[in-house]
Amino acid sequence: MPGQLPRLTKRREFLRVAGRGRKSARPSLVLQALPQPEGPLRLGFTATKKIGNAVIRNRAKRRLREAARLTLAEAPPAGWDLVLIARDGTGTRAWSKLLSDLRGALRQAGVLAE
């Protein structure tokens, strides 16, 4: 079972990715991707209060973390900072559709090869 991937933890890192990165939206998530040639793959996860209370936001982030772990941990593409933003449907979307949304967003942003 693959382990945990490195994380973005500081607000300024999230803002840098949001300001300069590529964006890709899907029904269950928004992906922001910024190439970082000198560094490893790093991930950040967020959910706004618009999607619900703390229980709903935490569930959505847990689902995004697990989807990213399953999708990226086998062969993580080096040199990217990624931010996954939960949407209204993240907590309730079918698991297979959530995984396919993530893969599609990663392809559209250029993180994964077609």
PDB file of N, CA and C in Angstrom:
ATOM      1  N   MET A   1       0.846  -1.171   0.000  1.00  0.00           N
ATOM      2  CA  MET A   1       0.000   0.000   0.000  1.00  0.00           C
ATOM      3  C   MET A   1       0.895   1.239   0.000  1.00  0.00           C
ATOM      4  N   PRO A   2       0.717   2.150  -0.966  1.00  0.00           N
ATOM      5  CA  PRO A   2       1.559   3.334  -1.054  1.00  0.00           C
ATOM      6  C   PRO A   2       1.377   4.242   0.147  1.00  0.00           C
ATOM      7  N   GLY A   3       2.436   4.981   0.481  1.00  0.00           N
ATOM      8  CA  GLY A   3       2.404   5.868   1.643  1.00  0.00           C
ATOM      9  C   GLY A   3       1.892   7.254   1.310  1.00  0.00           C
ATOM     10  N   GLN A   4       2.037   8.132   2.281  1.00  0.00           N
ATOM     11  CA  GLN A   4       1.573   9.495   2.159  1.00  0.00           C
ATOM     12  C   GLN A   4       2.534  10.317   1.296  1.00  0.00           C
ATOM     13  N   LEU A   5       1.981  11.207   0.491  1.00  0.00           N
ATOM     14  CA  LEU A   5       2.777  12.070  -0.370  1.00  0.00           C
ATOM     15  C   LEU A   5       3.097  13.377   0.348  1.00  0.00           C
ATOM     16  N   PRO A   6       4.197  14.055  -0.025  1.00  0.00           N
ATOM     17  CA  PRO A   6       4.536  15.337   0.603  1.00  0.00           C
ATOM     18  C   PRO A   6       3.423  16.368   0.423  1.00  0.00           C
ATOM     19  N   ARG A   7       3.281  17.262   1.398  1.00  0.00           N
ATOM     20  CA  ARG A   7       2.168  18.209   1.429  1.00  0.00           C
ATOM     21  C   ARG A   7       2.606  19.655   1.318  1.00  0.00           C
ATOM     22  N   LEU A   8       1.699  20.464   0.797  1.00  0.00           N
ATOM     23  CA  LEU A   8       1.784  21.921   0.908  1.00  0.00           C
ATOM     24  C   LEU A   8       1.137  22.264   2.240  1.00  0.00           C
ATOM     25  N   THR A   9       1.782  23.078   3.053  1.00  0.00           N
ATOM     26  CA  THR A   9       1.238  23.356   4.373  1.00  0.00           C
ATOM     27  C   THR A   9       1.047  24.841   4.655  1.00  0.00           C
ATOM     28  N   LYS A  10       1.763  25.694   3.959  1.00  0.00           N
ATOM     29  CA  LYS A  10       1.703  27.125   4.271  1.00  0.00           C
ATOM     30  C   LYS A  10       0.747  27.857   3.330  1.00  0.00           C
ATOM     31  N   ARG A  11       0.070  28.859   3.869  1.00  0.00           N
ATOM     32  CA  ARG A  11      -0.881  29.643   3.092  1.00  0.00           C
ATOM     33  C   ARG A  11      -0.238  30.243   1.853  1.00  0.00           C
ATOM     34  N   ARG A  12       0.981  30.736   1.980  1.00  0.00           N
ATOM     35  CA  ARG A  12       1.643  31.363   0.834  1.00  0.00           C
ATOM     36  C   ARG A  12       1.895  30.363  -0.293  1.00  0.00           C
ATOM     37  N   GLU A  13       2.110  29.071   0.039  1.00  0.00           N
ATOM     38  CA  GLU A  13       2.276  28.045  -0.992  1.00  0.00           C
ATOM     39  C   GLU A  13       0.969  27.829  -1.752  1.00  0.00           C
ATOM     40  N   PHE A  14      -0.140  27.780  -1.018  1.00  0.00           N
ATOM     41  CA  PHE A  14      -1.453  27.633  -1.656  1.00  0.00           C
ATOM     42  C   PHE A  14      -1.742  28.829  -2.558  1.00  0.00           C
ATOM     43  N   LEU A  15      -1.441  30.038  -2.088  1.00  0.00           N
ATOM     44  CA  LEU A  15      -1.704  31.247  -2.870  1.00  0.00           C
ATOM     45  C   LEU A  15      -0.830  31.311  -4.118  1.00  0.00           C
ATOM     46  N   ARG A  16       0.417  30.854  -4.030  1.00  0.00           N
ATOM     47  CA  ARG A  16       1.305  30.838  -5.194  1.00  0.00           C
ATOM     48  C   ARG A  16       0.763  29.899  -6.267  1.00  0.00           C
ATOM     49  N   VAL A  17       0.310  28.733  -5.861  1.00  0.00           N
ATOM     50  CA  VAL A  17      -0.257  27.785  -6.828  1.00  0.00           C
ATOM     51  C   VAL A  17      -1.535  28.354  -7.437  1.00  0.00           C
ATOM     52  N   ALA A  18      -2.374  28.977  -6.620  1.00  0.00           N
ATOM     53  CA  ALA A  18      -3.629  29.550  -7.127  1.00  0.00           C
ATOM     54  C   ALA A  18      -3.359  30.700  -8.091  1.00  0.00           C
ATOM     55  N   GLY A  19      -2.338  31.502  -7.807  1.00  0.00           N
ATOM     56  CA  GLY A  19      -2.071  32.667  -8.641  1.00  0.00           C
ATOM     57  C   GLY A  19      -1.375  32.362  -9.951  1.00  0.00           C
ATOM     58  N   ARG A  20      -0.467  31.405  -9.951  1.00  0.00           N
ATOM     59  CA  ARG A  20       0.354  31.138 -11.133  1.00  0.00           C
ATOM     60  C   ARG A  20       0.048  29.816 -11.827  1.00  0.00           C
ATOM     61  N   GLY A  21      -0.716  28.953 -11.174  1.00  0.00           N
ATOM     62  CA  GLY A  21      -0.903  27.602 -11.702  1.00  0.00           C
ATOM     63  C   GLY A  21      -2.012  27.475 -12.722  1.00  0.00           C
ATOM     64  N   ARG A  22      -2.059  26.303 -13.333  1.00  0.00           N
ATOM     65  CA  ARG A  22      -3.126  25.941 -14.266  1.00  0.00           C
ATOM     66  C   ARG A  22      -4.313  25.430 -13.467  1.00  0.00           C
ATOM     67  N   LYS A  23      -5.514  25.708 -13.965  1.00  0.00           N
ATOM     68  CA  LYS A  23      -6.712  25.282 -13.255  1.00  0.00           C
ATOM     69  C   LYS A  23      -7.525  24.331 -14.124  1.00  0.00           C
ATOM     70  N   SER A  24      -8.106  23.349 -13.469  1.00  0.00           N
ATOM     71  CA  SER A  24      -8.947  22.379 -14.154  1.00  0.00           C
ATOM     72  C   SER A  24     -10.105  22.032 -13.233  1.00  0.00           C
ATOM     73  N   ALA A  25     -11.335  22.252 -13.693  1.00  0.00           N
ATOM     74  CA  ALA A  25     -12.521  22.005 -12.866  1.00  0.00           C
ATOM     75  C   ALA A  25     -13.258  20.768 -13.351  1.00  0.00           C
ATOM     76  N   ARG A  26     -13.755  20.019 -12.399  1.00  0.00           N
ATOM     77  CA  ARG A  26     -14.580  18.839 -12.634  1.00  0.00           C
ATOM     78  C   ARG A  26     -15.770  18.922 -11.691  1.00  0.00           C
ATOM     79  N   PRO A  27     -16.802  18.089 -11.880  1.00  0.00           N
ATOM     80  CA  PRO A  27     -17.979  18.177 -11.004  1.00  0.00           C
ATOM     81  C   PRO A  27     -17.681  17.977  -9.523  1.00  0.00           C
ATOM     82  N   SER A  28     -16.662  17.194  -9.187  1.00  0.00           N
ATOM     83  CA  SER A  28     -16.407  16.908  -7.779  1.00  0.00           C
ATOM     84  C   SER A  28     -15.165  17.598  -7.216  1.00  0.00           C
ATOM     85  N   LEU A  29     -14.377  18.280  -8.057  1.00  0.00           N
ATOM     86  CA  LEU A  29     -13.161  18.913  -7.543  1.00  0.00           C
ATOM     87  C   LEU A  29     -12.652  19.966  -8.500  1.00  0.00           C
ATOM     88  N   VAL A  30     -11.791  20.822  -7.979  1.00  0.00           N
ATOM     89  CA  VAL A  30     -11.029  21.772  -8.788  1.00  0.00           C
ATOM     90  C   VAL A  30      -9.557  21.477  -8.517  1.00  0.00           C
ATOM     91  N   LEU A  31      -8.781  21.387  -9.578  1.00  0.00           N
ATOM     92  CA  LEU A  31      -7.347  21.134  -9.460  1.00  0.00           C
ATOM     93  C   LEU A  31      -6.596  22.388  -9.878  1.00  0.00           C
ATOM     94  N   GLN A  32      -5.635  22.789  -9.071  1.00  0.00           N
ATOM     95  CA  GLN A  32      -4.708  23.854  -9.424  1.00  0.00           C
ATOM     96  C   GLN A  32      -3.330  23.224  -9.452  1.00  0.00           C
ATOM     97  N   ALA A  33      -2.604  23.400 -10.557  1.00  0.00           N
ATOM     98  CA  ALA A  33      -1.311  22.735 -10.733  1.00  0.00           C
ATOM     99  C   ALA A  33      -0.257  23.750 -11.154  1.00  0.00           C
ATOM    100  N   LEU A  34       0.870  23.741 -10.463  1.00  0.00           N
ATOM    101  CA  LEU A  34       1.984  24.636 -10.771  1.00  0.00           C
ATOM    102  C   LEU A  34       3.254  23.807 -10.936  1.00  0.00           C
ATOM    103  N   PRO A  35       3.903  23.868 -12.122  1.00  0.00           N
ATOM    104  CA  PRO A  35       5.155  23.121 -12.296  1.00  0.00           C
ATOM    105  C   PRO A  35       6.259  23.704 -11.417  1.00  0.00           C
ATOM    106  N   GLN A  36       7.014  22.821 -10.773  1.00  0.00           N
ATOM    107  CA  GLN A  36       8.166  23.184  -9.936  1.00  0.00           C
ATOM    108  C   GLN A  36       9.312  22.263 -10.323  1.00  0.00           C
ATOM    109  N   PRO A  37      10.086  22.623 -11.340  1.00  0.00           N
ATOM    110  CA  PRO A  37      11.095  21.694 -11.866  1.00  0.00           C
ATOM    111  C   PRO A  37      12.115  21.217 -10.837  1.00  0.00           C
ATOM    112  N   GLU A  38      12.404  22.020  -9.828  1.00  0.00           N
ATOM    113  CA  GLU A  38      13.454  21.646  -8.885  1.00  0.00           C
ATOM    114  C   GLU A  38      12.956  20.824  -7.711  1.00  0.00           C
ATOM    115  N   GLY A  39      11.667  20.601  -7.593  1.00  0.00           N
ATOM    116  CA  GLY A  39      11.168  19.924  -6.402  1.00  0.00           C
ATOM    117  C   GLY A  39      10.378  18.665  -6.701  1.00  0.00           C
ATOM    118  N   PRO A  40       9.998  17.956  -5.641  1.00  0.00           N
ATOM    119  CA  PRO A  40       9.170  16.753  -5.806  1.00  0.00           C
ATOM    120  C   PRO A  40       7.696  17.137  -5.944  1.00  0.00           C
ATOM    121  N   LEU A  41       6.861  16.168  -6.176  1.00  0.00           N
ATOM    122  CA  LEU A  41       5.419  16.372  -6.176  1.00  0.00           C
ATOM    123  C   LEU A  41       4.981  16.710  -4.755  1.00  0.00           C
ATOM    124  N   ARG A  42       4.204  17.787  -4.603  1.00  0.00           N
ATOM    125  CA  ARG A  42       3.636  18.145  -3.299  1.00  0.00           C
ATOM    126  C   ARG A  42       2.152  18.425  -3.495  1.00  0.00           C
ATOM    127  N   LEU A  43       1.349  18.041  -2.509  1.00  0.00           N
ATOM    128  CA  LEU A  43      -0.104  18.174  -2.594  1.00  0.00           C
ATOM    129  C   LEU A  43      -0.649  19.035  -1.473  1.00  0.00           C
ATOM    130  N   GLY A  44      -1.735  19.755  -1.775  1.00  0.00           N
ATOM    131  CA  GLY A  44      -2.477  20.503  -0.771  1.00  0.00           C
ATOM    132  C   GLY A  44      -3.962  20.236  -0.979  1.00  0.00           C
ATOM    133  N   PHE A  45      -4.713  20.220   0.093  1.00  0.00           N
ATOM    134  CA  PHE A  45      -6.148  19.932   0.035  1.00  0.00           C
ATOM    135  C   PHE A  45      -6.902  21.013   0.793  1.00  0.00           C
ATOM    136  N   THR A  46      -8.025  21.446   0.224  1.00  0.00           N
ATOM    137  CA  THR A  46      -8.810  22.462   0.896  1.00  0.00           C
ATOM    138  C   THR A  46     -10.287  22.296   0.556  1.00  0.00           C
ATOM    139  N   ALA A  47     -11.112  22.804   1.466  1.00  0.00           N
ATOM    140  CA  ALA A  47     -12.564  22.812   1.268  1.00  0.00           C
ATOM    141  C   ALA A  47     -13.105  24.069   1.941  1.00  0.00           C
ATOM    142  N   THR A  48     -13.904  24.827   1.222  1.00  0.00           N
ATOM    143  CA  THR A  48     -14.432  26.070   1.779  1.00  0.00           C
ATOM    144  C   THR A  48     -15.697  25.811   2.580  1.00  0.00           C
ATOM    145  N   LYS A  49     -16.089  26.787   3.376  1.00  0.00           N
ATOM    146  CA  LYS A  49     -17.307  26.663   4.182  1.00  0.00           C
ATOM    147  C   LYS A  49     -18.564  26.631   3.328  1.00  0.00           C
ATOM    148  N   LYS A  50     -18.442  27.000   2.064  1.00  0.00           N
ATOM    149  CA  LYS A  50     -19.603  26.975   1.170  1.00  0.00           C
ATOM    150  C   LYS A  50     -20.154  25.564   0.980  1.00  0.00           C
ATOM    151  N   ILE A  51     -19.302  24.554   1.129  1.00  0.00           N
ATOM    152  CA  ILE A  51     -19.792  23.196   0.870  1.00  0.00           C
ATOM    153  C   ILE A  51     -20.452  22.555   2.078  1.00  0.00           C
ATOM    154  N   GLY A  52     -20.315  23.153   3.257  1.00  0.00           N
ATOM    155  CA  GLY A  52     -21.002  22.588   4.413  1.00  0.00           C
ATOM    156  C   GLY A  52     -20.239  22.782   5.706  1.00  0.00           C
ATOM    157  N   ASN A  53     -20.722  22.109   6.736  1.00  0.00           N
ATOM    158  CA  ASN A  53     -20.101  22.236   8.060  1.00  0.00           C
ATOM    159  C   ASN A  53     -18.789  21.449   8.122  1.00  0.00           C
ATOM    160  N   ALA A  54     -18.155  21.438   9.288  1.00  0.00           N
ATOM    161  CA  ALA A  54     -16.841  20.823   9.436  1.00  0.00           C
ATOM    162  C   ALA A  54     -16.851  19.333   9.102  1.00  0.00           C
ATOM    163  N   VAL A  55     -17.912  18.648   9.452  1.00  0.00           N
ATOM    164  CA  VAL A  55     -17.988  17.208   9.178  1.00  0.00           C
ATOM    165  C   VAL A  55     -17.981  16.957   7.678  1.00  0.00           C
ATOM    166  N   ILE A  56     -18.745  17.728   6.934  1.00  0.00           N
ATOM    167  CA  ILE A  56     -18.825  17.564   5.482  1.00  0.00           C
ATOM    168  C   ILE A  56     -17.503  17.950   4.827  1.00  0.00           C
ATOM    169  N   ARG A  57     -16.903  19.051   5.278  1.00  0.00           N
ATOM    170  CA  ARG A  57     -15.617  19.482   4.713  1.00  0.00           C
ATOM    171  C   ARG A  57     -14.523  18.452   4.973  1.00  0.00           C
ATOM    172  N   ASN A  58     -14.463  17.920   6.179  1.00  0.00           N
ATOM    173  CA  ASN A  58     -13.437  16.927   6.499  1.00  0.00           C
ATOM    174  C   ASN A  58     -13.633  15.641   5.715  1.00  0.00           C
ATOM    175  N   ARG A  59     -14.869  15.219   5.536  1.00  0.00           N
ATOM    176  CA  ARG A  59     -15.139  14.014   4.728  1.00  0.00           C
ATOM    177  C   ARG A  59     -14.680  14.235   3.294  1.00  0.00           C
ATOM    178  N   ALA A  60     -14.985  15.403   2.748  1.00  0.00           N
ATOM    179  CA  ALA A  60     -14.587  15.714   1.374  1.00  0.00           C
ATOM    180  C   ALA A  60     -13.062  15.695   1.247  1.00  0.00           C
ATOM    181  N   LYS A  61     -12.355  16.285   2.198  1.00  0.00           N
ATOM    182  CA  LYS A  61     -10.889  16.299   2.137  1.00  0.00           C
ATOM    183  C   LYS A  61     -10.308  14.899   2.302  1.00  0.00           C
ATOM    184  N   ARG A  62     -10.901  14.078   3.171  1.00  0.00           N
ATOM    185  CA  ARG A  62     -10.427  12.694   3.317  1.00  0.00           C
ATOM    186  C   ARG A  62     -10.577  11.929   2.014  1.00  0.00           C
ATOM    187  N   ARG A  63     -11.704  12.122   1.335  1.00  0.00           N
ATOM    188  CA  ARG A  63     -11.914  11.442   0.053  1.00  0.00           C
ATOM    189  C   ARG A  63     -10.914  11.925  -0.998  1.00  0.00           C
ATOM    190  N   LEU A  64     -10.636  13.235  -1.022  1.00  0.00           N
ATOM    191  CA  LEU A  64      -9.654  13.755  -1.973  1.00  0.00           C
ATOM    192  C   LEU A  64      -8.252  13.217  -1.677  1.00  0.00           C
ATOM    193  N   ARG A  65      -7.882  13.156  -0.397  1.00  0.00           N
ATOM    194  CA  ARG A  65      -6.566  12.629  -0.036  1.00  0.00           C
ATOM    195  C   ARG A  65      -6.407  11.176  -0.482  1.00  0.00           C
ATOM    196  N   GLU A  66      -7.426  10.372  -0.250  1.00  0.00           N
ATOM    197  CA  GLU A  66      -7.346   8.960  -0.631  1.00  0.00           C
ATOM    198  C   GLU A  66      -7.328   8.807  -2.148  1.00  0.00           C
ATOM    199  N   ALA A  67      -8.120   9.582  -2.855  1.00  0.00           N
ATOM    200  CA  ALA A  67      -8.124   9.524  -4.320  1.00  0.00           C
ATOM    201  C   ALA A  67      -6.751   9.915  -4.871  1.00  0.00           C
ATOM    202  N   ALA A  68      -6.159  10.966  -4.310  1.00  0.00           N
ATOM    203  CA  ALA A  68      -4.829  11.390  -4.756  1.00  0.00           C
ATOM    204  C   ALA A  68      -3.793  10.329  -4.428  1.00  0.00           C
ATOM    205  N   ARG A  69      -3.889   9.723  -3.256  1.00  0.00           N
ATOM    206  CA  ARG A  69      -2.932   8.687  -2.869  1.00  0.00           C
ATOM    207  C   ARG A  69      -2.994   7.515  -3.838  1.00  0.00           C
ATOM    208  N   LEU A  70      -4.199   7.074  -4.165  1.00  0.00           N
ATOM    209  CA  LEU A  70      -4.348   5.937  -5.070  1.00  0.00           C
ATOM    210  C   LEU A  70      -3.915   6.279  -6.489  1.00  0.00           C
ATOM    211  N   THR A  71      -4.166   7.503  -6.915  1.00  0.00           N
ATOM    212  CA  THR A  71      -3.862   7.895  -8.288  1.00  0.00           C
ATOM    213  C   THR A  71      -2.392   8.241  -8.488  1.00  0.00           C
ATOM    214  N   LEU A  72      -1.774   8.893  -7.512  1.00  0.00           N
ATOM    215  CA  LEU A  72      -0.437   9.450  -7.716  1.00  0.00           C
ATOM    216  C   LEU A  72       0.697   8.713  -7.015  1.00  0.00           C
ATOM    217  N   ALA A  73       0.424   7.938  -5.993  1.00  0.00           N
ATOM    218  CA  ALA A  73       1.505   7.375  -5.186  1.00  0.00           C
ATOM    219  C   ALA A  73       2.306   6.290  -5.906  1.00  0.00           C
ATOM    220  N   GLU A  74       1.709   5.587  -6.827  1.00  0.00           N
ATOM    221  CA  GLU A  74       2.430   4.521  -7.532  1.00  0.00           C
ATOM    222  C   GLU A  74       3.606   5.077  -8.319  1.00  0.00           C
ATOM    223  N   ALA A  75       3.354   6.127  -9.103  1.00  0.00           N
ATOM    224  CA  ALA A  75       4.407   6.757  -9.900  1.00  0.00           C
ATOM    225  C   ALA A  75       4.180   8.266  -9.868  1.00  0.00           C
ATOM    226  N   PRO A  76       4.553   8.922  -8.760  1.00  0.00           N
ATOM    227  CA  PRO A  76       4.274  10.355  -8.653  1.00  0.00           C
ATOM    228  C   PRO A  76       5.060  11.163  -9.682  1.00  0.00           C
ATOM    229  N   PRO A  77       4.384  12.032 -10.423  1.00  0.00           N
ATOM    230  CA  PRO A  77       5.096  12.883 -11.379  1.00  0.00           C
ATOM    231  C   PRO A  77       5.891  13.948 -10.624  1.00  0.00           C
ATOM    232  N   ALA A  78       7.184  13.963 -10.777  1.00  0.00           N
ATOM    233  CA  ALA A  78       8.029  14.910 -10.039  1.00  0.00           C
ATOM    234  C   ALA A  78       7.858  16.319 -10.591  1.00  0.00           C
ATOM    235  N   GLY A  79       8.081  17.291  -9.722  1.00  0.00           N
ATOM    236  CA  GLY A  79       8.121  18.664 -10.172  1.00  0.00           C
ATOM    237  C   GLY A  79       6.784  19.375 -10.260  1.00  0.00           C
ATOM    238  N   TRP A  80       5.824  19.039  -9.410  1.00  0.00           N
ATOM    239  CA  TRP A  80       4.517  19.704  -9.433  1.00  0.00           C
ATOM    240  C   TRP A  80       4.073  20.028  -8.014  1.00  0.00           C
ATOM    241  N   ASP A  81       3.433  21.199  -7.869  1.00  0.00           N
ATOM    242  CA  ASP A  81       2.675  21.533  -6.675  1.00  0.00           C
ATOM    243  C   ASP A  81       1.212  21.484  -7.081  1.00  0.00           C
ATOM    244  N   LEU A  82       0.425  20.652  -6.410  1.00  0.00           N
ATOM    245  CA  LEU A  82      -0.990  20.480  -6.746  1.00  0.00           C
ATOM    246  C   LEU A  82      -1.859  20.857  -5.558  1.00  0.00           C
ATOM    247  N   VAL A  83      -2.942  21.576  -5.823  1.00  0.00           N
ATOM    248  CA  VAL A  83      -3.946  21.883  -4.811  1.00  0.00           C
ATOM    249  C   VAL A  83      -5.263  21.310  -5.298  1.00  0.00           C
ATOM    250  N   LEU A  84      -5.879  20.475  -4.475  1.00  0.00           N
ATOM    251  CA  LEU A  84      -7.188  19.909  -4.776  1.00  0.00           C
ATOM    252  C   LEU A  84      -8.220  20.600  -3.900  1.00  0.00           C
ATOM    253  N   ILE A  85      -9.225  21.192  -4.541  1.00  0.00           N
ATOM    254  CA  ILE A  85     -10.264  21.928  -3.836  1.00  0.00           C
ATOM    255  C   ILE A  85     -11.563  21.136  -3.940  1.00  0.00           C
ATOM    256  N   ALA A  86     -12.155  20.851  -2.790  1.00  0.00           N
ATOM    257  CA  ALA A  86     -13.410  20.096  -2.754  1.00  0.00           C
ATOM    258  C   ALA A  86     -14.564  20.970  -3.248  1.00  0.00           C
ATOM    259  N   ARG A  87     -15.531  20.336  -3.897  1.00  0.00           N
ATOM    260  CA  ARG A  87     -16.753  21.000  -4.334  1.00  0.00           C
ATOM    261  C   ARG A  87     -17.935  20.352  -3.632  1.00  0.00           C
ATOM    262  N   ASP A  88     -19.135  20.870  -3.892  1.00  0.00           N
ATOM    263  CA  ASP A  88     -20.347  20.353  -3.244  1.00  0.00           C
ATOM    264  C   ASP A  88     -20.490  18.842  -3.373  1.00  0.00           C
ATOM    265  N   GLY A  89     -20.179  18.295  -4.533  1.00  0.00           N
ATOM    266  CA  GLY A  89     -20.400  16.881  -4.765  1.00  0.00           C
ATOM    267  C   GLY A  89     -19.285  15.962  -4.316  1.00  0.00           C
ATOM    268  N   THR A  90     -18.210  16.482  -3.789  1.00  0.00           N
ATOM    269  CA  THR A  90     -17.047  15.644  -3.451  1.00  0.00           C
ATOM    270  C   THR A  90     -17.387  14.573  -2.425  1.00  0.00           C
ATOM    271  N   GLY A  91     -18.124  14.926  -1.399  1.00  0.00           N
ATOM    272  CA  GLY A  91     -18.423  13.980  -0.329  1.00  0.00           C
ATOM    273  C   GLY A  91     -19.418  12.901  -0.709  1.00  0.00           C
ATOM    274  N   THR A  92     -20.245  13.154  -1.724  1.00  0.00           N
ATOM    275  CA  THR A  92     -21.304  12.206  -2.070  1.00  0.00           C
ATOM    276  C   THR A  92     -21.134  11.554  -3.444  1.00  0.00           C
ATOM    277  N   ARG A  93     -20.208  12.023  -4.227  1.00  0.00           N
ATOM    278  CA  ARG A  93     -20.026  11.469  -5.581  1.00  0.00           C
ATOM    279  C   ARG A  93     -19.553  10.018  -5.495  1.00  0.00           C
ATOM    280  N   ALA A  94     -19.988   9.224  -6.436  1.00  0.00           N
ATOM    281  CA  ALA A  94     -19.566   7.820  -6.499  1.00  0.00           C
ATOM    282  C   ALA A  94     -18.042   7.756  -6.581  1.00  0.00           C
ATOM    283  N   TRP A  95     -17.459   6.784  -5.881  1.00  0.00           N
ATOM    284  CA  TRP A  95     -16.005   6.700  -5.776  1.00  0.00           C
ATOM    285  C   TRP A  95     -15.341   6.585  -7.146  1.00  0.00           C
ATOM    286  N   SER A  96     -15.878   5.762  -8.018  1.00  0.00           N
ATOM    287  CA  SER A  96     -15.269   5.590  -9.345  1.00  0.00           C
ATOM    288  C   SER A  96     -15.317   6.895 -10.143  1.00  0.00           C
ATOM    289  N   LYS A  97     -16.394   7.650  -9.992  1.00  0.00           N
ATOM    290  CA  LYS A  97     -16.493   8.931 -10.698  1.00  0.00           C
ATOM    291  C   LYS A  97     -15.535   9.962 -10.114  1.00  0.00           C
ATOM    292  N   LEU A  98     -15.336   9.942  -8.804  1.00  0.00           N
ATOM    293  CA  LEU A  98     -14.381  10.852  -8.172  1.00  0.00           C
ATOM    294  C   LEU A  98     -12.974  10.569  -8.684  1.00  0.00           C
ATOM    295  N   LEU A  99     -12.606   9.293  -8.763  1.00  0.00           N
ATOM    296  CA  LEU A  99     -11.284   8.924  -9.287  1.00  0.00           C
ATOM    297  C   LEU A  99     -11.140   9.341 -10.744  1.00  0.00           C
ATOM    298  N   SER A 100     -12.177   9.154 -11.539  1.00  0.00           N
ATOM    299  CA  SER A 100     -12.097   9.540 -12.943  1.00  0.00           C
ATOM    300  C   SER A 100     -12.056  11.058 -13.101  1.00  0.00           C
ATOM    301  N   ASP A 101     -12.755  11.798 -12.234  1.00  0.00           N
ATOM    302  CA  ASP A 101     -12.664  13.264 -12.250  1.00  0.00           C
ATOM    303  C   ASP A 101     -11.236  13.712 -11.964  1.00  0.00           C
ATOM    304  N   LEU A 102     -10.597  13.089 -10.984  1.00  0.00           N
ATOM    305  CA  LEU A 102      -9.226  13.455 -10.630  1.00  0.00           C
ATOM    306  C   LEU A 102      -8.277  13.144 -11.776  1.00  0.00           C
ATOM    307  N   ARG A 103      -8.388  11.965 -12.350  1.00  0.00           N
ATOM    308  CA  ARG A 103      -7.507  11.608 -13.470  1.00  0.00           C
ATOM    309  C   ARG A 103      -7.693  12.559 -14.648  1.00  0.00           C
ATOM    310  N   GLY A 104      -8.947  12.901 -14.955  1.00  0.00           N
ATOM    311  CA  GLY A 104      -9.223  13.826 -16.053  1.00  0.00           C
ATOM    312  C   GLY A 104      -8.657  15.210 -15.794  1.00  0.00           C
ATOM    313  N   ALA A 105      -8.790  15.693 -14.565  1.00  0.00           N
ATOM    314  CA  ALA A 105      -8.243  17.007 -14.222  1.00  0.00           C
ATOM    315  C   ALA A 105      -6.715  16.996 -14.307  1.00  0.00           C
ATOM    316  N   LEU A 106      -6.089  15.910 -13.857  1.00  0.00           N
ATOM    317  CA  LEU A 106      -4.625  15.803 -13.935  1.00  0.00           C
ATOM    318  C   LEU A 106      -4.154  15.784 -15.384  1.00  0.00           C
ATOM    319  N   ARG A 107      -4.875  15.084 -16.256  1.00  0.00           N
ATOM    320  CA  ARG A 107      -4.517  15.065 -17.676  1.00  0.00           C
ATOM    321  C   ARG A 107      -4.703  16.444 -18.297  1.00  0.00           C
ATOM    322  N   GLN A 108      -5.820  17.106 -17.995  1.00  0.00           N
ATOM    323  CA  GLN A 108      -6.098  18.409 -18.577  1.00  0.00           C
ATOM    324  C   GLN A 108      -5.053  19.436 -18.145  1.00  0.00           C
ATOM    325  N   ALA A 109      -4.579  19.363 -16.915  1.00  0.00           N
ATOM    326  CA  ALA A 109      -3.570  20.304 -16.430  1.00  0.00           C
ATOM    327  C   ALA A 109      -2.168  19.955 -16.916  1.00  0.00           C
ATOM    328  N   GLY A 110      -1.988  18.791 -17.525  1.00  0.00           N
ATOM    329  CA  GLY A 110      -0.682  18.406 -18.047  1.00  0.00           C
ATOM    330  C   GLY A 110       0.195  17.687 -17.054  1.00  0.00           C
ATOM    331  N   VAL A 111      -0.374  17.276 -15.917  1.00  0.00           N
ATOM    332  CA  VAL A 111       0.413  16.573 -14.898  1.00  0.00           C
ATOM    333  C   VAL A 111       0.639  15.131 -15.315  1.00  0.00           C
ATOM    334  N   LEU A 112      -0.386  14.486 -15.833  1.00  0.00           N
ATOM    335  CA  LEU A 112      -0.282  13.102 -16.321  1.00  0.00           C
ATOM    336  C   LEU A 112      -0.319  13.097 -17.846  1.00  0.00           C
ATOM    337  N   ALA A 113       0.358  12.137 -18.428  1.00  0.00           N
ATOM    338  CA  ALA A 113       0.361  11.999 -19.890  1.00  0.00           C
ATOM    339  C   ALA A 113      -0.994  11.463 -20.353  1.00  0.00           C
ATOM    340  N   GLU A 114      -1.334  11.800 -21.563  1.00  0.00           N
ATOM    341  CA  GLU A 114      -2.595  11.331 -22.143  1.00  0.00           C
ATOM    342  C   GLU A 114      -2.526   9.848 -22.256  1.00  0.00           C
TER     343      GLU A 114
END
